[in-house]
Amino acid sequence: MNYKRNVTSAVFDIGLGWLVGWLVGWLVGWLVGWFTTEIETGLNKTTGAALLRQLL
């Protein structure tokens, strides 16, 4: 009985650890993607403004 409970607990811990790891990984990936997009958008605006200034 005690052995079975330990196995269930271990499986639950592994599942919980995997889920938390997946969520943290997803969040970090999303943040990196968002920051990269923001930086690219900022660069594109700056480049666009510089090109417009050269044309005028």
PDB file of N, CA and C in Angstrom:
ATOM      1  N   MET A   1       0.834  -1.203   0.000  1.00  0.00           N
ATOM      2  CA  MET A   1       0.000   0.000   0.000  1.00  0.00           C
ATOM      3  C   MET A   1       0.876   1.264   0.000  1.00  0.00           C
ATOM      4  N   ASN A   2       1.856   1.263   0.889  1.00  0.00           N
ATOM      5  CA  ASN A   2       2.756   2.405   0.997  1.00  0.00           C
ATOM      6  C   ASN A   2       3.577   2.585  -0.284  1.00  0.00           C
ATOM      7  N   TYR A   3       4.000   1.445  -0.877  1.00  0.00           N
ATOM      8  CA  TYR A   3       4.784   1.477  -2.116  1.00  0.00           C
ATOM      9  C   TYR A   3       3.964   2.105  -3.242  1.00  0.00           C
ATOM     10  N   LYS A   4       2.694   1.700  -3.327  1.00  0.00           N
ATOM     11  CA  LYS A   4       1.823   2.218  -4.384  1.00  0.00           C
ATOM     12  C   LYS A   4       1.642   3.733  -4.247  1.00  0.00           C
ATOM     13  N   ARG A   5       1.494   4.194  -3.023  1.00  0.00           N
ATOM     14  CA  ARG A   5       1.323   5.624  -2.785  1.00  0.00           C
ATOM     15  C   ARG A   5       2.590   6.390  -3.180  1.00  0.00           C
ATOM     16  N   ASN A   6       3.749   5.818  -2.912  1.00  0.00           N
ATOM     17  CA  ASN A   6       5.016   6.451  -3.282  1.00  0.00           C
ATOM     18  C   ASN A   6       5.158   6.564  -4.795  1.00  0.00           C
ATOM     19  N   VAL A   7       4.750   5.508  -5.516  1.00  0.00           N
ATOM     20  CA  VAL A   7       4.821   5.523  -6.982  1.00  0.00           C
ATOM     21  C   VAL A   7       3.881   6.588  -7.529  1.00  0.00           C
ATOM     22  N   THR A   8       2.656   6.630  -6.999  1.00  0.00           N
ATOM     23  CA  THR A   8       1.677   7.633  -7.436  1.00  0.00           C
ATOM     24  C   THR A   8       2.206   9.036  -7.176  1.00  0.00           C
ATOM     25  N   SER A   9       2.802   9.230  -6.018  1.00  0.00           N
ATOM     26  CA  SER A   9       3.362  10.525  -5.645  1.00  0.00           C
ATOM     27  C   SER A   9       4.502  10.909  -6.592  1.00  0.00           C
ATOM     28  N   ALA A  10       5.353   9.938  -6.915  1.00  0.00           N
ATOM     29  CA  ALA A  10       6.479  10.194  -7.820  1.00  0.00           C
ATOM     30  C   ALA A  10       5.979  10.557  -9.213  1.00  0.00           C
ATOM     31  N   VAL A  11       4.973   9.822  -9.695  1.00  0.00           N
ATOM     32  CA  VAL A  11       4.398  10.105 -11.019  1.00  0.00           C
ATOM     33  C   VAL A  11       3.777  11.498 -11.023  1.00  0.00           C
ATOM     34  N   PHE A  12       3.074  11.833  -9.953  1.00  0.00           N
ATOM     35  CA  PHE A  12       2.447  13.153  -9.835  1.00  0.00           C
ATOM     36  C   PHE A  12       3.507  14.251  -9.819  1.00  0.00           C
ATOM     37  N   ASP A  13       4.588  14.039  -9.054  1.00  0.00           N
ATOM     38  CA  ASP A  13       5.684  15.015  -8.980  1.00  0.00           C
ATOM     39  C   ASP A  13       6.329  15.224 -10.349  1.00  0.00           C
ATOM     40  N   ILE A  14       6.542  14.127 -11.079  1.00  0.00           N
ATOM     41  CA  ILE A  14       7.147  14.213 -12.413  1.00  0.00           C
ATOM     42  C   ILE A  14       6.214  14.980 -13.353  1.00  0.00           C
ATOM     43  N   GLY A  15       4.923  14.642 -13.293  1.00  0.00           N
ATOM     44  CA  GLY A  15       3.934  15.325 -14.135  1.00  0.00           C
ATOM     45  C   GLY A  15       3.850  16.802 -13.816  1.00  0.00           C
ATOM     46  N   LEU A  16       3.836  17.122 -12.522  1.00  0.00           N
ATOM     47  CA  LEU A  16       3.759  18.514 -12.088  1.00  0.00           C
ATOM     48  C   LEU A  16       5.024  19.273 -12.496  1.00  0.00           C
ATOM     49  N   GLY A  17       6.184  18.632 -12.312  1.00  0.00           N
ATOM     50  CA  GLY A  17       7.450  19.245 -12.714  1.00  0.00           C
ATOM     51  C   GLY A  17       7.511  19.503 -14.208  1.00  0.00           C
ATOM     52  N   TRP A  18       7.009  18.545 -14.991  1.00  0.00           N
ATOM     53  CA  TRP A  18       6.986  18.687 -16.451  1.00  0.00           C
ATOM     54  C   TRP A  18       6.072  19.831 -16.855  1.00  0.00           C
ATOM     55  N   LEU A  19       4.891  19.902 -16.210  1.00  0.00           N
ATOM     56  CA  LEU A  19       3.913  20.945 -16.530  1.00  0.00           C
ATOM     57  C   LEU A  19       4.460  22.332 -16.199  1.00  0.00           C
ATOM     58  N   VAL A  20       5.061  22.462 -15.014  1.00  0.00           N
ATOM     59  CA  VAL A  20       5.638  23.746 -14.600  1.00  0.00           C
ATOM     60  C   VAL A  20       6.776  24.136 -15.545  1.00  0.00           C
ATOM     61  N   GLY A  21       7.631  23.165 -15.881  1.00  0.00           N
ATOM     62  CA  GLY A  21       8.728  23.427 -16.813  1.00  0.00           C
ATOM     63  C   GLY A  21       8.234  23.864 -18.179  1.00  0.00           C
ATOM     64  N   TRP A  22       7.165  23.217 -18.655  1.00  0.00           N
ATOM     65  CA  TRP A  22       6.589  23.558 -19.957  1.00  0.00           C
ATOM     66  C   TRP A  22       6.011  24.965 -19.934  1.00  0.00           C
ATOM     67  N   LEU A  23       5.284  25.292 -18.852  1.00  0.00           N
ATOM     68  CA  LEU A  23       4.683  26.623 -18.729  1.00  0.00           C
ATOM     69  C   LEU A  23       5.748  27.713 -18.660  1.00  0.00           C
ATOM     70  N   VAL A  24       6.799  27.480 -17.880  1.00  0.00           N
ATOM     71  CA  VAL A  24       7.893  28.457 -17.760  1.00  0.00           C
ATOM     72  C   VAL A  24       8.586  28.630 -19.109  1.00  0.00           C
ATOM     73  N   GLY A  25       8.844  27.510 -19.790  1.00  0.00           N
ATOM     74  CA  GLY A  25       9.468  27.567 -21.113  1.00  0.00           C
ATOM     75  C   GLY A  25       8.623  28.329 -22.114  1.00  0.00           C
ATOM     76  N   TRP A  26       7.302  28.094 -22.068  1.00  0.00           N
ATOM     77  CA  TRP A  26       6.382  28.781 -22.981  1.00  0.00           C
ATOM     78  C   TRP A  26       6.373  30.276 -22.698  1.00  0.00           C
ATOM     79  N   LEU A  27       6.334  30.626 -21.403  1.00  0.00           N
ATOM     80  CA  LEU A  27       6.300  32.034 -21.001  1.00  0.00           C
ATOM     81  C   LEU A  27       7.573  32.758 -21.423  1.00  0.00           C
ATOM     82  N   VAL A  28       8.724  32.132 -21.193  1.00  0.00           N
ATOM     83  CA  VAL A  28      10.015  32.723 -21.578  1.00  0.00           C
ATOM     84  C   VAL A  28      10.073  32.895 -23.096  1.00  0.00           C
ATOM     85  N   GLY A  29       9.650  31.860 -23.826  1.00  0.00           N
ATOM     86  CA  GLY A  29       9.628  31.938 -25.288  1.00  0.00           C
ATOM     87  C   GLY A  29       8.730  33.054 -25.787  1.00  0.00           C
ATOM     88  N   TRP A  30       7.561  33.195 -25.152  1.00  0.00           N
ATOM     89  CA  TRP A  30       6.615  34.240 -25.546  1.00  0.00           C
ATOM     90  C   TRP A  30       7.200  35.622 -25.283  1.00  0.00           C
ATOM     91  N   LEU A  31       7.827  35.793 -24.102  1.00  0.00           N
ATOM     92  CA  LEU A  31       8.431  37.083 -23.752  1.00  0.00           C
ATOM     93  C   LEU A  31       9.562  37.444 -24.706  1.00  0.00           C
ATOM     94  N   VAL A  32      10.424  36.465 -25.011  1.00  0.00           N
ATOM     95  CA  VAL A  32      11.537  36.700 -25.943  1.00  0.00           C
ATOM     96  C   VAL A  32      10.991  37.087 -27.311  1.00  0.00           C
ATOM     97  N   GLY A  33       9.970  36.368 -27.764  1.00  0.00           N
ATOM     98  CA  GLY A  33       9.344  36.683 -29.051  1.00  0.00           C
ATOM     99  C   GLY A  33       8.737  38.074 -29.055  1.00  0.00           C
ATOM    100  N   TRP A  34       8.093  38.438 -27.948  1.00  0.00           N
ATOM    101  CA  TRP A  34       7.457  39.753 -27.855  1.00  0.00           C
ATOM    102  C   TRP A  34       8.504  40.856 -27.876  1.00  0.00           C
ATOM    103  N   PHE A  35       9.579  40.689 -27.072  1.00  0.00           N
ATOM    104  CA  PHE A  35      10.653  41.692 -27.035  1.00  0.00           C
ATOM    105  C   PHE A  35      11.320  41.819 -28.400  1.00  0.00           C
ATOM    106  N   THR A  36      11.567  40.682 -29.073  1.00  0.00           N
ATOM    107  CA  THR A  36      12.190  40.692 -30.394  1.00  0.00           C
ATOM    108  C   THR A  36      11.314  41.452 -31.378  1.00  0.00           C
ATOM    109  N   THR A  37      10.001  41.199 -31.333  1.00  0.00           N
ATOM    110  CA  THR A  37       9.057  41.891 -32.220  1.00  0.00           C
ATOM    111  C   THR A  37       9.066  43.385 -31.931  1.00  0.00           C
ATOM    112  N   GLU A  38       9.059  43.749 -30.647  1.00  0.00           N
ATOM    113  CA  GLU A  38       9.070  45.165 -30.261  1.00  0.00           C
ATOM    114  C   GLU A  38      10.338  45.852 -30.765  1.00  0.00           C
ATOM    115  N   ILE A  39      11.494  45.188 -30.617  1.00  0.00           N
ATOM    116  CA  ILE A  39      12.772  45.754 -31.056  1.00  0.00           C
ATOM    117  C   ILE A  39      12.764  45.910 -32.582  1.00  0.00           C
ATOM    118  N   GLU A  40      12.293  44.879 -33.285  1.00  0.00           N
ATOM    119  CA  GLU A  40      12.233  44.934 -34.748  1.00  0.00           C
ATOM    120  C   GLU A  40      11.302  46.045 -35.205  1.00  0.00           C
ATOM    121  N   THR A  41      10.145  46.183 -34.554  1.00  0.00           N
ATOM    122  CA  THR A  41       9.194  47.239 -34.895  1.00  0.00           C
ATOM    123  C   THR A  41       9.835  48.605 -34.672  1.00  0.00           C
ATOM    124  N   GLY A  42      10.529  48.749 -33.547  1.00  0.00           N
ATOM    125  CA  GLY A  42      11.223  50.002 -33.246  1.00  0.00           C
ATOM    126  C   GLY A  42      12.289  50.308 -34.283  1.00  0.00           C
ATOM    127  N   LEU A  43      13.057  49.288 -34.686  1.00  0.00           N
ATOM    128  CA  LEU A  43      14.102  49.462 -35.699  1.00  0.00           C
ATOM    129  C   LEU A  43      13.491  49.831 -37.044  1.00  0.00           C
ATOM    130  N   ASN A  44      12.389  49.170 -37.401  1.00  0.00           N
ATOM    131  CA  ASN A  44      11.731  49.454 -38.675  1.00  0.00           C
ATOM    132  C   ASN A  44      11.201  50.885 -38.709  1.00  0.00           C
ATOM    133  N   LYS A  45      10.650  51.353 -37.596  1.00  0.00           N
ATOM    134  CA  LYS A  45      10.163  52.730 -37.521  1.00  0.00           C
ATOM    135  C   LYS A  45      11.319  53.707 -37.677  1.00  0.00           C
ATOM    136  N   THR A  46      12.430  53.431 -36.993  1.00  0.00           N
ATOM    137  CA  THR A  46      13.611  54.294 -37.064  1.00  0.00           C
ATOM    138  C   THR A  46      14.168  54.303 -38.485  1.00  0.00           C
ATOM    139  N   THR A  47      14.291  53.117 -39.088  1.00  0.00           N
ATOM    140  CA  THR A  47      14.810  53.002 -40.455  1.00  0.00           C
ATOM    141  C   THR A  47      13.879  53.711 -41.432  1.00  0.00           C
ATOM    142  N   GLY A  48      12.571  53.523 -41.234  1.00  0.00           N
ATOM    143  CA  GLY A  48      11.574  54.174 -42.094  1.00  0.00           C
ATOM    144  C   GLY A  48      11.674  55.684 -42.001  1.00  0.00           C
ATOM    145  N   ALA A  49      11.832  56.206 -40.786  1.00  0.00           N
ATOM    146  CA  ALA A  49      11.953  57.650 -40.578  1.00  0.00           C
ATOM    147  C   ALA A  49      13.232  58.178 -41.226  1.00  0.00           C
ATOM    148  N   ALA A  50      14.332  57.424 -41.101  1.00  0.00           N
ATOM    149  CA  ALA A  50      15.606  57.835 -41.694  1.00  0.00           C
ATOM    150  C   ALA A  50      15.505  57.859 -43.221  1.00  0.00           C
ATOM    151  N   LEU A  51      14.860  56.845 -43.798  1.00  0.00           N
ATOM    152  CA  LEU A  51      14.689  56.795 -45.253  1.00  0.00           C
ATOM    153  C   LEU A  51      13.814  57.943 -45.734  1.00  0.00           C
ATOM    154  N   LEU A  52      12.757  58.228 -44.991  1.00  0.00           N
ATOM    155  CA  LEU A  52      11.843  59.313 -45.352  1.00  0.00           C
ATOM    156  C   LEU A  52      12.569  60.655 -45.319  1.00  0.00           C
ATOM    157  N   ARG A  53      13.433  60.838 -44.308  1.00  0.00           N
ATOM    158  CA  ARG A  53      14.200  62.069 -44.174  1.00  0.00           C
ATOM    159  C   ARG A  53      15.157  62.235 -45.358  1.00  0.00           C
ATOM    160  N   GLN A  54      15.745  61.119 -45.809  1.00  0.00           N
ATOM    161  CA  GLN A  54      16.682  61.185 -46.937  1.00  0.00           C
ATOM    162  C   GLN A  54      15.952  61.518 -48.237  1.00  0.00           C
ATOM    163  N   LEU A  55      14.732  61.002 -48.375  1.00  0.00           N
ATOM    164  CA  LEU A  55      13.959  61.252 -49.594  1.00  0.00           C
ATOM    165  C   LEU A  55      13.483  62.697 -49.667  1.00  0.00           C
ATOM    166  N   LEU A  56      13.162  63.316 -48.519  1.00  0.00           N
ATOM    167  CA  LEU A  56      12.615  64.679 -48.517  1.00  0.00           C
ATOM    168  C   LEU A  56      13.686  65.748 -48.547  1.00  0.00           C
TER     169      LEU A  56
END
